Every structure is written in structure tokens, then in C-alpha cells.
Amino acid sequence: MTNNPVGWFEIYVQDMKRARKFYEAVFLVRLEELKSPGPEMWAFPMLMDRMGASGALVSMPGFPSGGNSTLVYFSCVDCATEAVRVKSAGGRIEREKTSIGEYGFIVLAIDTEGNMIGLHSRQ
């Protein structure tokens, strides 16, 4: 493998308006609609000259949210900060900030659509 293993992610949602409100509140970003003939998609901001992957919220008939076995980790300065915003945005914390040794810290959260996401920080 010559690149980072993840190039894009999609988080499937049932209620796009509710999901957008949650993610914009937790990460203090504005999602941008991706116009396509396919499913409704709203993308996270992406900086093309930076490392890491971007992705989108997707609403597509026949693909329900929650219950999948893929976990997306969002990079944070201090994952405890976003964890507080998860609660105030209508989500819940599955695992509070936990050390993962030399790799930093994680929080596991459930969004408003039933999807589990990870928050990761070095501090």
C-alpha cells in the first residue's frame, strides 16, 4: 500500500436534516451538499493539500443507519471537547475519554442516527 488506507468515508443516515445539525454542532463545521443524480450527500470540509480523508453523510433508500461494523474516527485536538458537544447536539457517549497508550485518547459516541463514531486525539 503506497497511500493511507482510507480515502473517503460515508455515514448513512435516516434524517439528513437532523444528522447535519448533529455533525455541524459537534465539529463546528458547515457541510456542503454534493450534487449528484444518486443519493443525497452532504460532505465534510476537505483540504486537498492535507493528510487524511474526508467523507459525507448519505441518505439512500434501502441503506439504513446504525448497526454496521465500520467505525470512523474523527481527529480532534482534545476528544473530550467534541464529546461535550456530542451530548449537547443530541447524541450520547458510549465510552468516555479513554487512554490508548502511546497513541493518545479516544471517545466512542452514538450520533442521532444510531451510528457509532470515534473521536481521537493525542492529548
PDB file of N, CA and C in Angstrom:
ATOM      1  N   MET A   1       0.841  -1.165   0.000  1.00  0.00           N
ATOM      2  CA  MET A   1       0.000   0.000   0.000  1.00  0.00           C
ATOM      3  C   MET A   1       0.902   1.249   0.000  1.00  0.00           C
ATOM      4  N   THR A   2       0.684   2.163  -0.942  1.00  0.00           N
ATOM      5  CA  THR A   2       1.533   3.347  -1.032  1.00  0.00           C
ATOM      6  C   THR A   2       0.879   4.605  -0.467  1.00  0.00           C
ATOM      7  N   ASN A   3      -0.402   4.540  -0.143  1.00  0.00           N
ATOM      8  CA  ASN A   3      -1.122   5.679   0.419  1.00  0.00           C
ATOM      9  C   ASN A   3      -1.736   5.294   1.755  1.00  0.00           C
ATOM     10  N   ASN A   4      -2.299   6.285   2.445  1.00  0.00           N
ATOM     11  CA  ASN A   4      -3.067   5.975   3.638  1.00  0.00           C
ATOM     12  C   ASN A   4      -4.221   5.065   3.240  1.00  0.00           C
ATOM     13  N   PRO A   5      -4.632   4.143   4.108  1.00  0.00           N
ATOM     14  CA  PRO A   5      -5.620   3.140   3.712  1.00  0.00           C
ATOM     15  C   PRO A   5      -7.031   3.677   3.482  1.00  0.00           C
ATOM     16  N   VAL A   6      -7.366   4.836   4.023  1.00  0.00           N
ATOM     17  CA  VAL A   6      -8.723   5.365   3.835  1.00  0.00           C
ATOM     18  C   VAL A   6      -8.664   6.597   2.954  1.00  0.00           C
ATOM     19  N   GLY A   7      -9.475   6.602   1.903  1.00  0.00           N
ATOM     20  CA  GLY A   7      -9.523   7.739   1.000  1.00  0.00           C
ATOM     21  C   GLY A   7     -10.835   8.496   1.077  1.00  0.00           C
ATOM     22  N   TRP A   8     -11.866   7.897   1.672  1.00  0.00           N
ATOM     23  CA  TRP A   8     -13.193   8.507   1.734  1.00  0.00           C
ATOM     24  C   TRP A   8     -14.029   7.703   2.710  1.00  0.00           C
ATOM     25  N   PHE A   9     -14.998   8.326   3.338  1.00  0.00           N
ATOM     26  CA  PHE A   9     -15.932   7.587   4.180  1.00  0.00           C
ATOM     27  C   PHE A   9     -17.337   8.099   3.944  1.00  0.00           C
ATOM     28  N   GLU A  10     -18.312   7.267   4.223  1.00  0.00           N
ATOM     29  CA  GLU A  10     -19.714   7.647   4.154  1.00  0.00           C
ATOM     30  C   GLU A  10     -20.414   7.167   5.406  1.00  0.00           C
ATOM     31  N   ILE A  11     -21.223   8.034   5.989  1.00  0.00           N
ATOM     32  CA  ILE A  11     -22.014   7.703   7.162  1.00  0.00           C
ATOM     33  C   ILE A  11     -23.475   7.752   6.733  1.00  0.00           C
ATOM     34  N   TYR A  12     -24.131   6.620   6.752  1.00  0.00           N
ATOM     35  CA  TYR A  12     -25.514   6.547   6.292  1.00  0.00           C
ATOM     36  C   TYR A  12     -26.470   7.014   7.376  1.00  0.00           C
ATOM     37  N   VAL A  13     -27.461   7.819   6.965  1.00  0.00           N
ATOM     38  CA  VAL A  13     -28.378   8.453   7.901  1.00  0.00           C
ATOM     39  C   VAL A  13     -29.816   8.284   7.430  1.00  0.00           C
ATOM     40  N   GLN A  14     -30.745   8.386   8.365  1.00  0.00           N
ATOM     41  CA  GLN A  14     -32.174   8.334   8.039  1.00  0.00           C
ATOM     42  C   GLN A  14     -32.752   9.730   7.872  1.00  0.00           C
ATOM     43  N   ASP A  15     -32.360  10.646   8.733  1.00  0.00           N
ATOM     44  CA  ASP A  15     -32.894  12.001   8.752  1.00  0.00           C
ATOM     45  C   ASP A  15     -31.730  12.964   8.488  1.00  0.00           C
ATOM     46  N   MET A  16     -31.573  13.379   7.232  1.00  0.00           N
ATOM     47  CA  MET A  16     -30.415  14.194   6.848  1.00  0.00           C
ATOM     48  C   MET A  16     -30.369  15.511   7.603  1.00  0.00           C
ATOM     49  N   LYS A  17     -31.498  16.172   7.761  1.00  0.00           N
ATOM     50  CA  LYS A  17     -31.513  17.455   8.463  1.00  0.00           C
ATOM     51  C   LYS A  17     -31.017  17.299   9.895  1.00  0.00           C
ATOM     52  N   ARG A  18     -31.516  16.281  10.577  1.00  0.00           N
ATOM     53  CA  ARG A  18     -31.109  16.022  11.966  1.00  0.00           C
ATOM     54  C   ARG A  18     -29.631  15.655  12.024  1.00  0.00           C
ATOM     55  N   ALA A  19     -29.182  14.789  11.120  1.00  0.00           N
ATOM     56  CA  ALA A  19     -27.784  14.347  11.107  1.00  0.00           C
ATOM     57  C   ALA A  19     -26.835  15.505  10.811  1.00  0.00           C
ATOM     58  N   ARG A  20     -27.189  16.345   9.842  1.00  0.00           N
ATOM     59  CA  ARG A  20     -26.352  17.506   9.526  1.00  0.00           C
ATOM     60  C   ARG A  20     -26.236  18.422  10.739  1.00  0.00           C
ATOM     61  N   LYS A  21     -27.340  18.665  11.396  1.00  0.00           N
ATOM     62  CA  LYS A  21     -27.328  19.530  12.579  1.00  0.00           C
ATOM     63  C   LYS A  21     -26.392  18.957  13.643  1.00  0.00           C
ATOM     64  N   PHE A  22     -26.444  17.645  13.872  1.00  0.00           N
ATOM     65  CA  PHE A  22     -25.593  16.981  14.858  1.00  0.00           C
ATOM     66  C   PHE A  22     -24.107  17.159  14.511  1.00  0.00           C
ATOM     67  N   TYR A  23     -23.702  16.777  13.300  1.00  0.00           N
ATOM     68  CA  TYR A  23     -22.282  16.818  12.936  1.00  0.00           C
ATOM     69  C   TYR A  23     -21.754  18.249  12.840  1.00  0.00           C
ATOM     70  N   GLU A  24     -22.569  19.177  12.357  1.00  0.00           N
ATOM     71  CA  GLU A  24     -22.129  20.561  12.302  1.00  0.00           C
ATOM     72  C   GLU A  24     -21.945  21.126  13.715  1.00  0.00           C
ATOM     73  N   ALA A  25     -22.795  20.732  14.649  1.00  0.00           N
ATOM     74  CA  ALA A  25     -22.676  21.213  16.034  1.00  0.00           C
ATOM     75  C   ALA A  25     -21.486  20.590  16.754  1.00  0.00           C
ATOM     76  N   VAL A  26     -21.251  19.314  16.552  1.00  0.00           N
ATOM     77  CA  VAL A  26     -20.146  18.642  17.250  1.00  0.00           C
ATOM     78  C   VAL A  26     -18.795  19.130  16.750  1.00  0.00           C
ATOM     79  N   PHE A  27     -18.621  19.243  15.428  1.00  0.00           N
ATOM     80  CA  PHE A  27     -17.315  19.572  14.858  1.00  0.00           C
ATOM     81  C   PHE A  27     -17.172  21.035  14.430  1.00  0.00           C
ATOM     82  N   LEU A  28     -18.222  21.844  14.677  1.00  0.00           N
ATOM     83  CA  LEU A  28     -18.185  23.272  14.352  1.00  0.00           C
ATOM     84  C   LEU A  28     -17.768  23.506  12.899  1.00  0.00           C
ATOM     85  N   VAL A  29     -18.409  22.776  11.986  1.00  0.00           N
ATOM     86  CA  VAL A  29     -18.156  22.895  10.552  1.00  0.00           C
ATOM     87  C   VAL A  29     -19.486  23.076   9.826  1.00  0.00           C
ATOM     88  N   ARG A  30     -19.411  23.439   8.572  1.00  0.00           N
ATOM     89  CA  ARG A  30     -20.585  23.531   7.711  1.00  0.00           C
ATOM     90  C   ARG A  30     -20.416  22.474   6.620  1.00  0.00           C
ATOM     91  N   LEU A  31     -21.363  21.543   6.526  1.00  0.00           N
ATOM     92  CA  LEU A  31     -21.318  20.524   5.488  1.00  0.00           C
ATOM     93  C   LEU A  31     -21.813  21.120   4.173  1.00  0.00           C
ATOM     94  N   GLU A  32     -21.270  20.594   3.069  1.00  0.00           N
ATOM     95  CA  GLU A  32     -21.606  21.102   1.741  1.00  0.00           C
ATOM     96  C   GLU A  32     -22.310  20.022   0.930  1.00  0.00           C
ATOM     97  N   GLU A  33     -23.435  20.381   0.325  1.00  0.00           N
ATOM     98  CA  GLU A  33     -24.189  19.402  -0.461  1.00  0.00           C
ATOM     99  C   GLU A  33     -23.396  19.006  -1.706  1.00  0.00           C
ATOM    100  N   LEU A  34     -23.338  17.699  -1.960  1.00  0.00           N
ATOM    101  CA  LEU A  34     -22.719  17.171  -3.167  1.00  0.00           C
ATOM    102  C   LEU A  34     -23.840  16.874  -4.152  1.00  0.00           C
ATOM    103  N   LYS A  35     -23.911  17.622  -5.204  1.00  0.00           N
ATOM    104  CA  LYS A  35     -24.962  17.433  -6.209  1.00  0.00           C
ATOM    105  C   LYS A  35     -24.635  16.197  -7.044  1.00  0.00           C
ATOM    106  N   SER A  36     -25.574  15.267  -7.102  1.00  0.00           N
ATOM    107  CA  SER A  36     -25.394  14.071  -7.912  1.00  0.00           C
ATOM    108  C   SER A  36     -26.762  13.502  -8.240  1.00  0.00           C
ATOM    109  N   PRO A  37     -26.835  12.672  -9.277  1.00  0.00           N
ATOM    110  CA  PRO A  37     -28.117  12.047  -9.598  1.00  0.00           C
ATOM    111  C   PRO A  37     -28.469  10.909  -8.636  1.00  0.00           C
ATOM    112  N   GLY A  38     -27.532  10.532  -7.786  1.00  0.00           N
ATOM    113  CA  GLY A  38     -27.736   9.424  -6.860  1.00  0.00           C
ATOM    114  C   GLY A  38     -28.312   9.878  -5.532  1.00  0.00           C
ATOM    115  N   PRO A  39     -27.830   9.293  -4.449  1.00  0.00           N
ATOM    116  CA  PRO A  39     -28.369   9.584  -3.115  1.00  0.00           C
ATOM    117  C   PRO A  39     -28.021  11.007  -2.663  1.00  0.00           C
ATOM    118  N   GLU A  40     -28.781  11.499  -1.680  1.00  0.00           N
ATOM    119  CA  GLU A  40     -28.490  12.800  -1.086  1.00  0.00           C
ATOM    120  C   GLU A  40     -27.210  12.688  -0.268  1.00  0.00           C
ATOM    121  N   MET A  41     -26.260  13.596  -0.533  1.00  0.00           N
ATOM    122  CA  MET A  41     -24.967  13.555   0.153  1.00  0.00           C
ATOM    123  C   MET A  41     -24.566  14.957   0.588  1.00  0.00           C
ATOM    124  N   TRP A  42     -24.046  15.045   1.817  1.00  0.00           N
ATOM    125  CA  TRP A  42     -23.512  16.291   2.365  1.00  0.00           C
ATOM    126  C   TRP A  42     -22.106  16.006   2.871  1.00  0.00           C
ATOM    127  N   ALA A  43     -21.104  16.691   2.299  1.00  0.00           N
ATOM    128  CA  ALA A  43     -19.695  16.400   2.567  1.00  0.00           C
ATOM    129  C   ALA A  43     -19.122  17.254   3.687  1.00  0.00           C
ATOM    130  N   PHE A  44     -18.204  16.650   4.416  1.00  0.00           N
ATOM    131  CA  PHE A  44     -17.406  17.362   5.403  1.00  0.00           C
ATOM    132  C   PHE A  44     -16.389  18.225   4.655  1.00  0.00           C
ATOM    133  N   PRO A  45     -15.954  19.343   5.246  1.00  0.00           N
ATOM    134  CA  PRO A  45     -14.937  20.172   4.597  1.00  0.00           C
ATOM    135  C   PRO A  45     -13.679  19.347   4.329  1.00  0.00           C
ATOM    136  N   MET A  46     -13.029  19.639   3.208  1.00  0.00           N
ATOM    137  CA  MET A  46     -11.831  18.885   2.841  1.00  0.00           C
ATOM    138  C   MET A  46     -10.745  19.859   2.401  1.00  0.00           C
ATOM    139  N   LEU A  47      -9.553  19.652   2.896  1.00  0.00           N
ATOM    140  CA  LEU A  47      -8.386  20.416   2.487  1.00  0.00           C
ATOM    141  C   LEU A  47      -7.529  19.491   1.628  1.00  0.00           C
ATOM    142  N   MET A  48      -7.500  19.750   0.337  1.00  0.00           N
ATOM    143  CA  MET A  48      -6.858  18.842  -0.611  1.00  0.00           C
ATOM    144  C   MET A  48      -5.360  18.678  -0.364  1.00  0.00           C
ATOM    145  N   ASP A  49      -4.710  19.677   0.235  1.00  0.00           N
ATOM    146  CA  ASP A  49      -3.266  19.608   0.437  1.00  0.00           C
ATOM    147  C   ASP A  49      -2.876  19.038   1.795  1.00  0.00           C
ATOM    148  N   ARG A  50      -3.841  18.494   2.528  1.00  0.00           N
ATOM    149  CA  ARG A  50      -3.574  17.955   3.859  1.00  0.00           C
ATOM    150  C   ARG A  50      -3.755  16.440   3.874  1.00  0.00           C
ATOM    151  N   MET A  51      -3.117  15.780   4.842  1.00  0.00           N
ATOM    152  CA  MET A  51      -3.274  14.331   5.001  1.00  0.00           C
ATOM    153  C   MET A  51      -4.649  14.016   5.567  1.00  0.00           C
ATOM    154  N   GLY A  52      -5.077  12.794   5.381  1.00  0.00           N
ATOM    155  CA  GLY A  52      -6.340  12.345   5.948  1.00  0.00           C
ATOM    156  C   GLY A  52      -7.427  12.296   4.897  1.00  0.00           C
ATOM    157  N   ALA A  53      -8.533  11.730   5.273  1.00  0.00           N
ATOM    158  CA  ALA A  53      -9.648  11.527   4.355  1.00  0.00           C
ATOM    159  C   ALA A  53     -10.821  12.405   4.737  1.00  0.00           C
ATOM    160  N   SER A  54     -11.625  12.730   3.758  1.00  0.00           N
ATOM    161  CA  SER A  54     -12.894  13.383   4.024  1.00  0.00           C
ATOM    162  C   SER A  54     -13.994  12.391   3.694  1.00  0.00           C
ATOM    163  N   GLY A  55     -15.220  12.817   3.880  1.00  0.00           N
ATOM    164  CA  GLY A  55     -16.339  11.931   3.622  1.00  0.00           C
ATOM    165  C   GLY A  55     -17.633  12.691   3.674  1.00  0.00           C
ATOM    166  N   ALA A  56     -18.745  11.953   3.688  1.00  0.00           N
ATOM    167  CA  ALA A  56     -20.049  12.594   3.602  1.00  0.00           C
ATOM    168  C   ALA A  56     -21.101  11.831   4.375  1.00  0.00           C
ATOM    169  N   LEU A  57     -22.161  12.553   4.748  1.00  0.00           N
ATOM    170  CA  LEU A  57     -23.385  11.925   5.230  1.00  0.00           C
ATOM    171  C   LEU A  57     -24.177  11.538   3.989  1.00  0.00           C
ATOM    172  N   VAL A  58     -24.793  10.352   4.007  1.00  0.00           N
ATOM    173  CA  VAL A  58     -25.525   9.858   2.838  1.00  0.00           C
ATOM    174  C   VAL A  58     -26.891   9.354   3.270  1.00  0.00           C
ATOM    175  N   SER A  59     -27.915   9.764   2.539  1.00  0.00           N
ATOM    176  CA  SER A  59     -29.265   9.251   2.753  1.00  0.00           C
ATOM    177  C   SER A  59     -29.690   8.551   1.475  1.00  0.00           C
ATOM    178  N   MET A  60     -29.858   7.220   1.557  1.00  0.00           N
ATOM    179  CA  MET A  60     -30.176   6.434   0.381  1.00  0.00           C
ATOM    180  C   MET A  60     -31.199   5.367   0.750  1.00  0.00           C
ATOM    181  N   PRO A  61     -32.307   5.318   0.054  1.00  0.00           N
ATOM    182  CA  PRO A  61     -33.307   4.289   0.342  1.00  0.00           C
ATOM    183  C   PRO A  61     -32.685   2.889   0.312  1.00  0.00           C
ATOM    184  N   GLY A  62     -33.051   2.069   1.289  1.00  0.00           N
ATOM    185  CA  GLY A  62     -32.550   0.700   1.355  1.00  0.00           C
ATOM    186  C   GLY A  62     -31.253   0.532   2.112  1.00  0.00           C
ATOM    187  N   PHE A  63     -30.642   1.627   2.563  1.00  0.00           N
ATOM    188  CA  PHE A  63     -29.404   1.563   3.326  1.00  0.00           C
ATOM    189  C   PHE A  63     -29.602   2.272   4.655  1.00  0.00           C
ATOM    190  N   PRO A  64     -30.104   1.560   5.661  1.00  0.00           N
ATOM    191  CA  PRO A  64     -30.408   2.199   6.944  1.00  0.00           C
ATOM    192  C   PRO A  64     -29.151   2.556   7.729  1.00  0.00           C
ATOM    193  N   SER A  65     -29.303   3.500   8.633  1.00  0.00           N
ATOM    194  CA  SER A  65     -28.194   3.886   9.504  1.00  0.00           C
ATOM    195  C   SER A  65     -28.106   2.934  10.694  1.00  0.00           C
ATOM    196  N   GLY A  66     -26.982   3.004  11.389  1.00  0.00           N
ATOM    197  CA  GLY A  66     -26.782   2.208  12.608  1.00  0.00           C
ATOM    198  C   GLY A  66     -26.578   0.737  12.319  1.00  0.00           C
ATOM    199  N   GLY A  67     -25.998   0.036  13.271  1.00  0.00           N
ATOM    200  CA  GLY A  67     -25.868  -1.408  13.203  1.00  0.00           C
ATOM    201  C   GLY A  67     -24.791  -1.924  12.271  1.00  0.00           C
ATOM    202  N   ASN A  68     -23.980  -1.038  11.683  1.00  0.00           N
ATOM    203  CA  ASN A  68     -22.938  -1.555  10.803  1.00  0.00           C
ATOM    204  C   ASN A  68     -21.676  -1.848  11.607  1.00  0.00           C
ATOM    205  N   SER A  69     -20.686  -2.397  10.942  1.00  0.00           N
ATOM    206  CA  SER A  69     -19.484  -2.801  11.679  1.00  0.00           C
ATOM    207  C   SER A  69     -18.262  -1.981  11.279  1.00  0.00           C
ATOM    208  N   THR A  70     -18.452  -0.805  10.740  1.00  0.00           N
ATOM    209  CA  THR A  70     -17.351   0.083  10.389  1.00  0.00           C
ATOM    210  C   THR A  70     -17.373   1.277  11.324  1.00  0.00           C
ATOM    211  N   LEU A  71     -16.216   1.649  11.831  1.00  0.00           N
ATOM    212  CA  LEU A  71     -16.132   2.760  12.770  1.00  0.00           C
ATOM    213  C   LEU A  71     -15.203   3.824  12.203  1.00  0.00           C
ATOM    214  N   VAL A  72     -15.698   5.026  12.039  1.00  0.00           N
ATOM    215  CA  VAL A  72     -14.920   6.160  11.550  1.00  0.00           C
ATOM    216  C   VAL A  72     -14.444   6.954  12.758  1.00  0.00           C
ATOM    217  N   TYR A  73     -13.137   7.248  12.803  1.00  0.00           N
ATOM    218  CA  TYR A  73     -12.572   8.075  13.859  1.00  0.00           C
ATOM    219  C   TYR A  73     -12.283   9.461  13.306  1.00  0.00           C
ATOM    220  N   PHE A  74     -12.798  10.483  13.982  1.00  0.00           N
ATOM    221  CA  PHE A  74     -12.535  11.866  13.616  1.00  0.00           C
ATOM    222  C   PHE A  74     -11.374  12.371  14.458  1.00  0.00           C
ATOM    223  N   SER A  75     -10.407  13.040  13.820  1.00  0.00           N
ATOM    224  CA  SER A  75      -9.262  13.605  14.523  1.00  0.00           C
ATOM    225  C   SER A  75      -9.668  14.880  15.242  1.00  0.00           C
ATOM    226  N   CYS A  76      -9.208  15.021  16.480  1.00  0.00           N
ATOM    227  CA  CYS A  76      -9.535  16.167  17.324  1.00  0.00           C
ATOM    228  C   CYS A  76      -8.273  16.635  18.036  1.00  0.00           C
ATOM    229  N   VAL A  77      -8.267  17.867  18.504  1.00  0.00           N
ATOM    230  CA  VAL A  77      -7.164  18.346  19.335  1.00  0.00           C
ATOM    231  C   VAL A  77      -7.257  17.673  20.699  1.00  0.00           C
ATOM    232  N   ASP A  78      -8.447  17.709  21.298  1.00  0.00           N
ATOM    233  CA  ASP A  78      -8.723  17.023  22.564  1.00  0.00           C
ATOM    234  C   ASP A  78     -10.133  16.443  22.445  1.00  0.00           C
ATOM    235  N   CYS A  79     -10.232  15.138  22.313  1.00  0.00           N
ATOM    236  CA  CYS A  79     -11.523  14.499  22.038  1.00  0.00           C
ATOM    237  C   CYS A  79     -12.565  14.752  23.125  1.00  0.00           C
ATOM    238  N   ALA A  80     -12.149  15.165  24.305  1.00  0.00           N
ATOM    239  CA  ALA A  80     -13.114  15.495  25.365  1.00  0.00           C
ATOM    240  C   ALA A  80     -13.960  16.713  24.976  1.00  0.00           C
ATOM    241  N   THR A  81     -13.389  17.623  24.202  1.00  0.00           N
ATOM    242  CA  THR A  81     -14.117  18.825  23.774  1.00  0.00           C
ATOM    243  C   THR A  81     -15.293  18.447  22.882  1.00  0.00           C
ATOM    244  N   GLU A  82     -15.042  17.629  21.865  1.00  0.00           N
ATOM    245  CA  GLU A  82     -16.113  17.188  20.978  1.00  0.00           C
ATOM    246  C   GLU A  82     -17.104  16.295  21.705  1.00  0.00           C
ATOM    247  N   ALA A  83     -16.643  15.530  22.690  1.00  0.00           N
ATOM    248  CA  ALA A  83     -17.540  14.665  23.464  1.00  0.00           C
ATOM    249  C   ALA A  83     -18.615  15.486  24.170  1.00  0.00           C
ATOM    250  N   VAL A  84     -18.249  16.636  24.696  1.00  0.00           N
ATOM    251  CA  VAL A  84     -19.229  17.521  25.338  1.00  0.00           C
ATOM    252  C   VAL A  84     -20.260  17.977  24.307  1.00  0.00           C
ATOM    253  N   ARG A  85     -19.783  18.311  23.104  1.00  0.00           N
ATOM    254  CA  ARG A  85     -20.699  18.771  22.055  1.00  0.00           C
ATOM    255  C   ARG A  85     -21.584  17.641  21.537  1.00  0.00           C
ATOM    256  N   VAL A  86     -21.112  16.387  21.575  1.00  0.00           N
ATOM    257  CA  VAL A  86     -21.954  15.249  21.186  1.00  0.00           C
ATOM    258  C   VAL A  86     -23.224  15.245  22.018  1.00  0.00           C
ATOM    259  N   LYS A  87     -23.063  15.381  23.322  1.00  0.00           N
ATOM    260  CA  LYS A  87     -24.214  15.353  24.235  1.00  0.00           C
ATOM    261  C   LYS A  87     -25.159  16.511  23.957  1.00  0.00           C
ATOM    262  N   SER A  88     -24.621  17.712  23.811  1.00  0.00           N
ATOM    263  CA  SER A  88     -25.488  18.877  23.608  1.00  0.00           C
ATOM    264  C   SER A  88     -26.138  18.880  22.228  1.00  0.00           C
ATOM    265  N   ALA A  89     -25.592  18.109  21.273  1.00  0.00           N
ATOM    266  CA  ALA A  89     -26.163  18.030  19.924  1.00  0.00           C
ATOM    267  C   ALA A  89     -27.164  16.883  19.781  1.00  0.00           C
ATOM    268  N   GLY A  90     -27.436  16.175  20.871  1.00  0.00           N
ATOM    269  CA  GLY A  90     -28.455  15.124  20.836  1.00  0.00           C
ATOM    270  C   GLY A  90     -27.932  13.711  20.717  1.00  0.00           C
ATOM    271  N   GLY A  91     -26.617  13.546  20.717  1.00  0.00           N
ATOM    272  CA  GLY A  91     -26.027  12.205  20.688  1.00  0.00           C
ATOM    273  C   GLY A  91     -25.764  11.711  22.096  1.00  0.00           C
ATOM    274  N   ARG A  92     -25.073  10.579  22.190  1.00  0.00           N
ATOM    275  CA  ARG A  92     -24.716  10.074  23.511  1.00  0.00           C
ATOM    276  C   ARG A  92     -23.327   9.450  23.464  1.00  0.00           C
ATOM    277  N   ILE A  93     -22.703   9.389  24.608  1.00  0.00           N
ATOM    278  CA  ILE A  93     -21.358   8.825  24.724  1.00  0.00           C
ATOM    279  C   ILE A  93     -21.451   7.360  25.108  1.00  0.00           C
ATOM    280  N   GLU A  94     -20.818   6.525  24.328  1.00  0.00           N
ATOM    281  CA  GLU A  94     -20.752   5.092  24.602  1.00  0.00           C
ATOM    282  C   GLU A  94     -19.557   4.788  25.507  1.00  0.00           C
ATOM    283  N   ARG A  95     -18.424   5.447  25.242  1.00  0.00           N
ATOM    284  CA  ARG A  95     -17.223   5.288  26.070  1.00  0.00           C
ATOM    285  C   ARG A  95     -16.597   6.664  26.257  1.00  0.00           C
ATOM    286  N   GLU A  96     -16.472   7.081  27.504  1.00  0.00           N
ATOM    287  CA  GLU A  96     -15.847   8.370  27.821  1.00  0.00           C
ATOM    288  C   GLU A  96     -14.382   8.346  27.381  1.00  0.00           C
ATOM    289  N   LYS A  97     -13.737   9.484  27.422  1.00  0.00           N
ATOM    290  CA  LYS A  97     -12.342   9.611  27.010  1.00  0.00           C
ATOM    291  C   LYS A  97     -11.493   8.553  27.708  1.00  0.00           C
ATOM    292  N   THR A  98     -10.793   7.777  26.898  1.00  0.00           N
ATOM    293  CA  THR A  98     -10.015   6.634  27.368  1.00  0.00           C
ATOM    294  C   THR A  98      -8.625   6.671  26.741  1.00  0.00           C
ATOM    295  N   SER A  99      -7.603   6.412  27.529  1.00  0.00           N
ATOM    296  CA  SER A  99      -6.243   6.350  27.008  1.00  0.00           C
ATOM    297  C   SER A  99      -6.063   5.097  26.156  1.00  0.00           C
ATOM    298  N   ILE A 100      -5.365   5.267  25.046  1.00  0.00           N
ATOM    299  CA  ILE A 100      -4.948   4.111  24.239  1.00  0.00           C
ATOM    300  C   ILE A 100      -3.415   4.079  24.194  1.00  0.00           C
ATOM    301  N   GLY A 101      -2.838   4.438  25.329  1.00  0.00           N
ATOM    302  CA  GLY A 101      -1.389   4.392  25.488  1.00  0.00           C
ATOM    303  C   GLY A 101      -0.680   5.437  24.641  1.00  0.00           C
ATOM    304  N   GLU A 102       0.397   5.034  24.018  1.00  0.00           N
ATOM    305  CA  GLU A 102       1.222   5.969  23.254  1.00  0.00           C
ATOM    306  C   GLU A 102       0.492   6.575  22.051  1.00  0.00           C
ATOM    307  N   TYR A 103      -0.670   6.047  21.717  1.00  0.00           N
ATOM    308  CA  TYR A 103      -1.421   6.529  20.549  1.00  0.00           C
ATOM    309  C   TYR A 103      -2.420   7.616  20.898  1.00  0.00           C
ATOM    310  N   GLY A 104      -2.547   7.976  22.165  1.00  0.00           N
ATOM    311  CA  GLY A 104      -3.417   9.073  22.549  1.00  0.00           C
ATOM    312  C   GLY A 104      -4.671   8.637  23.275  1.00  0.00           C
ATOM    313  N   PHE A 105      -5.800   9.218  22.879  1.00  0.00           N
ATOM    314  CA  PHE A 105      -7.068   9.007  23.573  1.00  0.00           C
ATOM    315  C   PHE A 105      -8.202   8.875  22.571  1.00  0.00           C
ATOM    316  N   ILE A 106      -9.252   8.154  22.994  1.00  0.00           N
ATOM    317  CA  ILE A 106     -10.443   8.024  22.158  1.00  0.00           C
ATOM    318  C   ILE A 106     -11.700   8.235  22.990  1.00  0.00           C
ATOM    319  N   VAL A 107     -12.756   8.607  22.298  1.00  0.00           N
ATOM    320  CA  VAL A 107     -14.117   8.628  22.818  1.00  0.00           C
ATOM    321  C   VAL A 107     -14.961   7.898  21.795  1.00  0.00           C
ATOM    322  N   LEU A 108     -15.892   7.068  22.235  1.00  0.00           N
ATOM    323  CA  LEU A 108     -16.851   6.439  21.332  1.00  0.00           C
ATOM    324  C   LEU A 108     -18.205   7.081  21.575  1.00  0.00           C
ATOM    325  N   ALA A 109     -18.840   7.537  20.499  1.00  0.00           N
ATOM    326  CA  ALA A 109     -20.101   8.264  20.605  1.00  0.00           C
ATOM    327  C   ALA A 109     -21.129   7.674  19.643  1.00  0.00           C
ATOM    328  N   ILE A 110     -22.395   7.879  19.964  1.00  0.00           N
ATOM    329  CA  ILE A 110     -23.508   7.473  19.106  1.00  0.00           C
ATOM    330  C   ILE A 110     -24.160   8.750  18.594  1.00  0.00           C
ATOM    331  N   ASP A 111     -24.289   8.862  17.262  1.00  0.00           N
ATOM    332  CA  ASP A 111     -24.906  10.057  16.691  1.00  0.00           C
ATOM    333  C   ASP A 111     -26.426   9.972  16.768  1.00  0.00           C
ATOM    334  N   THR A 112     -27.112  10.950  16.241  1.00  0.00           N
ATOM    335  CA  THR A 112     -28.573  10.995  16.301  1.00  0.00           C
ATOM    336  C   THR A 112     -29.240   9.958  15.408  1.00  0.00           C
ATOM    337  N   GLU A 113     -28.454   9.274  14.559  1.00  0.00           N
ATOM    338  CA  GLU A 113     -28.986   8.273  13.635  1.00  0.00           C
ATOM    339  C   GLU A 113     -28.693   6.848  14.092  1.00  0.00           C
ATOM    340  N   GLY A 114     -28.045   6.702  15.252  1.00  0.00           N
ATOM    341  CA  GLY A 114     -27.719   5.376  15.769  1.00  0.00           C
ATOM    342  C   GLY A 114     -26.373   4.850  15.322  1.00  0.00           C
ATOM    343  N   ASN A 115     -25.578   5.671  14.624  1.00  0.00           N
ATOM    344  CA  ASN A 115     -24.236   5.267  14.187  1.00  0.00           C
ATOM    345  C   ASN A 115     -23.228   5.529  15.290  1.00  0.00           C
ATOM    346  N   MET A 116     -22.312   4.587  15.511  1.00  0.00           N
ATOM    347  CA  MET A 116     -21.212   4.836  16.429  1.00  0.00           C
ATOM    348  C   MET A 116     -20.081   5.483  15.643  1.00  0.00           C
ATOM    349  N   ILE A 117     -19.497   6.536  16.224  1.00  0.00           N
ATOM    350  CA  ILE A 117     -18.313   7.192  15.648  1.00  0.00           C
ATOM    351  C   ILE A 117     -17.248   7.259  16.727  1.00  0.00           C
ATOM    352  N   GLY A 118     -16.012   7.387  16.298  1.00  0.00           N
ATOM    353  CA  GLY A 118     -14.902   7.550  17.220  1.00  0.00           C
ATOM    354  C   GLY A 118     -14.332   8.952  17.149  1.00  0.00           C
ATOM    355  N   LEU A 119     -13.858   9.434  18.286  1.00  0.00           N
ATOM    356  CA  LEU A 119     -13.128  10.695  18.359  1.00  0.00           C
ATOM    357  C   LEU A 119     -11.727  10.337  18.833  1.00  0.00           C
ATOM    358  N   HIS A 120     -10.692  10.852  18.171  1.00  0.00           N
ATOM    359  CA  HIS A 120      -9.314  10.520  18.537  1.00  0.00           C
ATOM    360  C   HIS A 120      -8.497  11.795  18.698  1.00  0.00           C
ATOM    361  N   SER A 121      -7.672  11.829  19.734  1.00  0.00           N
ATOM    362  CA  SER A 121      -6.752  12.940  19.924  1.00  0.00           C
ATOM    363  C   SER A 121      -5.475  12.431  20.562  1.00  0.00           C
ATOM    364  N   ARG A 122      -4.415  13.205  20.406  1.00  0.00           N
ATOM    365  CA  ARG A 122      -3.131  12.862  21.031  1.00  0.00           C
ATOM    366  C   ARG A 122      -3.086  13.335  22.482  1.00  0.00           C
ATOM    367  N   GLN A 123      -3.952  14.257  22.871  1.00  0.00           N
ATOM    368  CA  GLN A 123      -3.959  14.742  24.267  1.00  0.00           C
ATOM    369  C   GLN A 123      -5.267  14.417  24.941  1.00  0.00           C
TER     370      GLN A 123
END
